[in-house]
């Protein structure tokens, strides 16, 4: 089964960029798909309402596993 990893992000979020760089090699190593979803109040109001102040948020197969910070081991466990 190929896992789907989403990073809920904002373009002006420095932590989001750091988490993207952190998780990309792990996601690739486990053969998962990485999708970076940029929050925009106009284009994604539902996501902005749900995740707004908590970005970056990492979801694996639509299940939230982390917000603000991610532990590599938690991501690896979710992908294993």
C-alpha atoms as a PDB file:
ATOM      1  CA  UNK A   1       0.000   0.000   0.000  1.00  0.00           C
ATOM      2  CA  UNK A   2       1.328   3.415  -0.953  1.00  0.00           C
ATOM      3  CA  UNK A   3       0.864   5.954   1.808  1.00  0.00           C
ATOM      4  CA  UNK A   4      -0.256   9.509   1.110  1.00  0.00           C
ATOM      5  CA  UNK A   5       1.433  12.201   3.200  1.00  0.00           C
ATOM      6  CA  UNK A   6       0.054  15.725   3.259  1.00  0.00           C
ATOM      7  CA  UNK A   7       1.849  18.730   4.677  1.00  0.00           C
ATOM      8  CA  UNK A   8      -0.613  21.516   5.414  1.00  0.00           C
ATOM      9  CA  UNK A   9       1.406  24.682   5.024  1.00  0.00           C
ATOM     10  CA  UNK A  10       1.402  28.418   4.395  1.00  0.00           C
ATOM     11  CA  UNK A  11       3.691  30.129   1.936  1.00  0.00           C
ATOM     12  CA  UNK A  12       4.930  32.574   4.607  1.00  0.00           C
ATOM     13  CA  UNK A  13       5.587  29.885   7.244  1.00  0.00           C
ATOM     14  CA  UNK A  14       9.284  29.278   7.900  1.00  0.00           C
ATOM     15  CA  UNK A  15       8.548  26.250  10.080  1.00  0.00           C
ATOM     16  CA  UNK A  16       6.494  24.773   7.235  1.00  0.00           C
ATOM     17  CA  UNK A  17       9.469  25.017   4.889  1.00  0.00           C
ATOM     18  CA  UNK A  18      11.732  23.389   7.492  1.00  0.00           C
ATOM     19  CA  UNK A  19       9.281  20.513   8.060  1.00  0.00           C
ATOM     20  CA  UNK A  20       8.954  20.009   4.284  1.00  0.00           C
ATOM     21  CA  UNK A  21      12.743  19.618   4.017  1.00  0.00           C
ATOM     22  CA  UNK A  22      12.743  17.302   7.051  1.00  0.00           C
ATOM     23  CA  UNK A  23      10.035  14.906   5.893  1.00  0.00           C
ATOM     24  CA  UNK A  24      10.710  14.791   2.127  1.00  0.00           C
ATOM     25  CA  UNK A  25      13.613  12.293   2.317  1.00  0.00           C
ATOM     26  CA  UNK A  26      11.733  10.044   4.750  1.00  0.00           C
ATOM     27  CA  UNK A  27       8.608  10.049   2.592  1.00  0.00           C
ATOM     28  CA  UNK A  28      10.714   9.214  -0.478  1.00  0.00           C
ATOM     29  CA  UNK A  29      12.601   6.441   1.338  1.00  0.00           C
ATOM     30  CA  UNK A  30       9.318   4.739   2.236  1.00  0.00           C
ATOM     31  CA  UNK A  31       7.890   5.136  -1.277  1.00  0.00           C
ATOM     32  CA  UNK A  32       5.035   7.352  -0.126  1.00  0.00           C
ATOM     33  CA  UNK A  33       3.482  10.278  -1.969  1.00  0.00           C
ATOM     34  CA  UNK A  34       4.051  13.783  -0.571  1.00  0.00           C
ATOM     35  CA  UNK A  35       1.530  16.535  -1.222  1.00  0.00           C
ATOM     36  CA  UNK A  36       2.118  20.041   0.091  1.00  0.00           C
ATOM     37  CA  UNK A  37      -1.192  21.846   0.558  1.00  0.00           C
ATOM     38  CA  UNK A  38      -0.891  25.620   0.838  1.00  0.00           C
ATOM     39  CA  UNK A  39      -3.586  27.175   3.006  1.00  0.00           C
ATOM     40  CA  UNK A  40      -5.349  30.110   1.421  1.00  0.00           C
ATOM     41  CA  UNK A  41      -8.425  31.680   2.974  1.00  0.00           C
ATOM     42  CA  UNK A  42      -9.955  32.236  -0.467  1.00  0.00           C
ATOM     43  CA  UNK A  43      -9.077  28.932  -2.138  1.00  0.00           C
ATOM     44  CA  UNK A  44      -9.202  26.528   0.821  1.00  0.00           C
ATOM     45  CA  UNK A  45     -11.481  28.078   3.469  1.00  0.00           C
ATOM     46  CA  UNK A  46     -12.420  24.702   4.998  1.00  0.00           C
ATOM     47  CA  UNK A  47      -8.783  23.713   5.480  1.00  0.00           C
ATOM     48  CA  UNK A  48      -7.899  27.183   6.748  1.00  0.00           C
ATOM     49  CA  UNK A  49     -10.679  26.959   9.340  1.00  0.00           C
ATOM     50  CA  UNK A  50      -9.570  23.484  10.451  1.00  0.00           C
ATOM     51  CA  UNK A  51      -5.792  23.925  10.507  1.00  0.00           C
ATOM     52  CA  UNK A  52      -5.292  27.723  10.437  1.00  0.00           C
ATOM     53  CA  UNK A  53      -3.064  28.470  13.428  1.00  0.00           C
ATOM     54  CA  UNK A  54      -1.594  24.980  13.752  1.00  0.00           C
ATOM     55  CA  UNK A  55       0.537  24.811  10.600  1.00  0.00           C
ATOM     56  CA  UNK A  56       2.605  22.960   9.729  1.00  0.00           C
ATOM     57  CA  UNK A  57       0.360  19.915  10.078  1.00  0.00           C
ATOM     58  CA  UNK A  58       1.361  16.468   8.799  1.00  0.00           C
ATOM     59  CA  UNK A  59      -1.270  13.903   7.830  1.00  0.00           C
ATOM     60  CA  UNK A  60      -0.638  10.320   6.759  1.00  0.00           C
ATOM     61  CA  UNK A  61      -3.530   8.712   4.915  1.00  0.00           C
ATOM     62  CA  UNK A  62      -5.818  11.529   6.150  1.00  0.00           C
ATOM     63  CA  UNK A  63      -4.870  10.978   9.814  1.00  0.00           C
ATOM     64  CA  UNK A  64      -3.124  13.837  11.608  1.00  0.00           C
ATOM     65  CA  UNK A  65       0.150  12.687  13.131  1.00  0.00           C
ATOM     66  CA  UNK A  66       1.780  16.016  14.019  1.00  0.00           C
ATOM     67  CA  UNK A  67       1.445  19.762  14.109  1.00  0.00           C
ATOM     68  CA  UNK A  68       4.132  22.430  14.541  1.00  0.00           C
ATOM     69  CA  UNK A  69       6.911  19.861  15.020  1.00  0.00           C
ATOM     70  CA  UNK A  70       7.308  16.314  13.725  1.00  0.00           C
ATOM     71  CA  UNK A  71       9.413  13.563  15.166  1.00  0.00           C
ATOM     72  CA  UNK A  72      11.090  11.484  12.463  1.00  0.00           C
ATOM     73  CA  UNK A  73      10.314   8.288  14.377  1.00  0.00           C
ATOM     74  CA  UNK A  74       6.584   9.123  14.476  1.00  0.00           C
ATOM     75  CA  UNK A  75       6.553   9.619  10.712  1.00  0.00           C
ATOM     76  CA  UNK A  76       8.497   6.406  10.126  1.00  0.00           C
ATOM     77  CA  UNK A  77       6.070   4.484  12.355  1.00  0.00           C
ATOM     78  CA  UNK A  78       3.102   5.863  10.406  1.00  0.00           C
ATOM     79  CA  UNK A  79       4.704   4.839   7.107  1.00  0.00           C
ATOM     80  CA  UNK A  80       5.757   1.351   8.251  1.00  0.00           C
END
